Amino acid sequence: MANCRSYNLGIGTVPEVVLPKPPWSSRDRGIAVDACIANVVQAVWDAGFVTIGSCCGHGIEGPELILGDDVQAHDVPKIERIIAQHDTRRWTLLQWQLVPLNTGGQLVLEDTA
């Protein structure tokens, strides 16, 4: 594990690695990734999986990978195998999902007087 720099936490000395722009990205340039997980992220991309974020955990937490919304539950074991080929740490795989938080009904305000 590298001593990756975290600009948010103000720790670490190893700068991020800029990976070449993956085919699915709309960015003009490459994507910055924590140095100690760059090979894992690249391998996941090479297997055709979209990611929308990652973090090595900076020695405080384990590494995380945020998967694109096109990644399905049945893809997760394959992604875990790819990760295990490159990194022995325990990874957390996440995904943003659109989930309704209300019933779509009318908002009812209670009288608190």
Protein backbone atom coordinates (compact mmCIF):
# COMPACT_ATOMS: atom_id res chain seq x y z
CA MET A 1 0.00 0.00 0.00
CA ALA A 2 1.34 3.37 -0.99
CA ASN A 3 1.14 6.50 1.12
CA CYS A 4 -1.35 8.05 -1.28
CA ARG A 5 -2.09 11.74 -0.99
CA SER A 6 -5.55 12.75 0.15
CA TYR A 7 -6.33 16.35 -0.54
CA ASN A 8 -9.47 16.10 1.60
CA LEU A 9 -7.68 14.68 4.64
CA GLY A 10 -4.37 16.50 4.18
CA ILE A 11 -2.34 13.27 4.48
CA GLY A 12 -0.04 11.20 2.30
CA THR A 13 2.78 12.05 -0.05
CA VAL A 14 2.34 9.87 -3.15
CA PRO A 15 0.46 11.81 -5.85
CA GLU A 16 -2.43 10.30 -7.77
CA VAL A 17 -1.94 8.49 -11.05
CA VAL A 18 -3.76 9.78 -14.12
CA LEU A 19 -5.11 6.81 -16.05
CA PRO A 20 -5.89 7.20 -19.76
CA LYS A 21 -9.48 8.20 -20.43
CA PRO A 22 -11.62 5.05 -20.69
CA PRO A 23 -13.85 4.70 -23.78
CA TRP A 24 -17.05 5.29 -21.78
CA SER A 25 -15.87 8.57 -20.25
CA SER A 26 -17.04 11.91 -21.59
CA ARG A 27 -14.01 13.69 -20.09
CA ASP A 28 -11.43 15.25 -22.34
CA ARG A 29 -8.54 14.00 -20.24
CA GLY A 30 -7.53 11.00 -18.18
CA ILE A 31 -8.90 10.23 -14.72
CA ALA A 32 -6.92 10.70 -11.50
CA VAL A 33 -6.87 7.65 -9.23
CA ASP A 34 -5.05 6.94 -5.95
CA ALA A 35 -1.67 5.46 -6.91
CA CYS A 36 -1.94 2.24 -4.89
CA ILE A 37 -5.22 1.21 -6.56
CA ALA A 38 -4.60 2.46 -10.10
CA ASN A 39 -3.76 -1.03 -11.39
CA VAL A 40 -7.01 -2.43 -9.97
CA VAL A 41 -9.13 0.37 -11.43
CA GLN A 42 -7.44 -0.07 -14.81
CA ALA A 43 -8.06 -3.85 -14.72
CA VAL A 44 -11.76 -3.31 -13.92
CA TRP A 45 -12.01 -0.84 -16.81
CA ASP A 46 -10.17 -3.24 -19.13
CA ALA A 47 -12.80 -5.87 -18.31
CA GLY A 48 -15.45 -3.45 -19.55
CA PHE A 49 -16.89 -2.26 -16.25
CA VAL A 50 -17.69 1.41 -15.66
CA THR A 51 -16.66 3.04 -12.39
CA ILE A 52 -17.70 6.47 -11.18
CA GLY A 53 -15.34 6.79 -8.23
CA SER A 54 -12.69 5.10 -6.14
CA CYS A 55 -10.58 5.61 -3.02
CA CYS A 56 -7.76 3.60 -1.50
CA GLY A 57 -8.89 4.43 2.04
CA HIS A 58 -5.58 6.13 2.87
CA GLY A 59 -4.79 3.64 5.64
CA ILE A 60 -7.89 4.69 7.56
CA GLU A 61 -10.43 2.51 5.74
CA GLY A 62 -10.22 -0.18 3.10
CA PRO A 63 -10.32 0.64 -0.60
CA GLU A 64 -13.65 1.37 -2.29
CA LEU A 65 -14.85 1.25 -5.85
CA ILE A 66 -18.08 2.91 -6.96
CA LEU A 67 -19.53 1.01 -9.90
CA GLY A 68 -21.57 2.49 -12.72
CA ASP A 69 -25.31 1.92 -12.84
CA ASP A 70 -24.98 -0.56 -15.70
CA VAL A 71 -23.11 -3.02 -13.45
CA GLN A 72 -25.48 -5.78 -12.33
CA ALA A 73 -25.41 -7.96 -9.20
CA HIS A 74 -24.29 -10.96 -11.27
CA ASP A 75 -21.19 -8.96 -12.35
CA VAL A 76 -19.95 -8.50 -8.79
CA PRO A 77 -18.20 -11.91 -8.40
CA LYS A 78 -16.26 -11.27 -11.62
CA ILE A 79 -15.23 -7.81 -10.42
CA GLU A 80 -14.17 -9.31 -7.08
CA ARG A 81 -12.00 -11.87 -8.90
CA ILE A 82 -10.38 -9.10 -10.96
CA ILE A 83 -9.62 -7.13 -7.81
CA ALA A 84 -8.21 -10.22 -6.04
CA GLN A 85 -5.76 -10.77 -8.91
CA HIS A 86 -4.20 -7.37 -8.18
CA ASP A 87 -4.81 -6.54 -4.51
CA THR A 88 -5.26 -8.63 -1.37
CA ARG A 89 -7.05 -5.98 0.68
CA ARG A 90 -10.75 -6.24 1.46
CA TRP A 91 -12.59 -3.91 -0.95
CA THR A 92 -16.01 -2.36 -0.62
CA LEU A 93 -17.97 -2.23 -3.86
CA LEU A 94 -20.63 0.47 -4.00
CA GLN A 95 -23.18 1.68 -6.49
CA TRP A 96 -25.43 4.73 -6.60
CA GLN A 97 -29.01 3.73 -7.21
CA LEU A 98 -32.18 5.70 -7.72
CA VAL A 99 -34.44 4.64 -4.86
CA PRO A 100 -37.75 6.33 -4.04
CA LEU A 101 -37.82 7.69 -0.50
CA ASN A 102 -41.50 8.57 -0.34
CA THR A 103 -44.73 7.21 -1.71
CA GLY A 104 -45.24 10.08 -4.12
CA GLY A 105 -48.22 11.22 -2.08
CA GLN A 106 -49.10 14.71 -1.01
CA LEU A 107 -46.99 16.27 1.72
CA VAL A 108 -48.98 16.66 4.93
CA LEU A 109 -47.79 19.19 7.47
CA GLU A 110 -48.75 18.61 11.08
CA ASP A 111 -49.91 21.45 13.29
CA THR A 112 -47.31 21.60 16.08
CA ALA A 113 -49.02 24.43 18.04
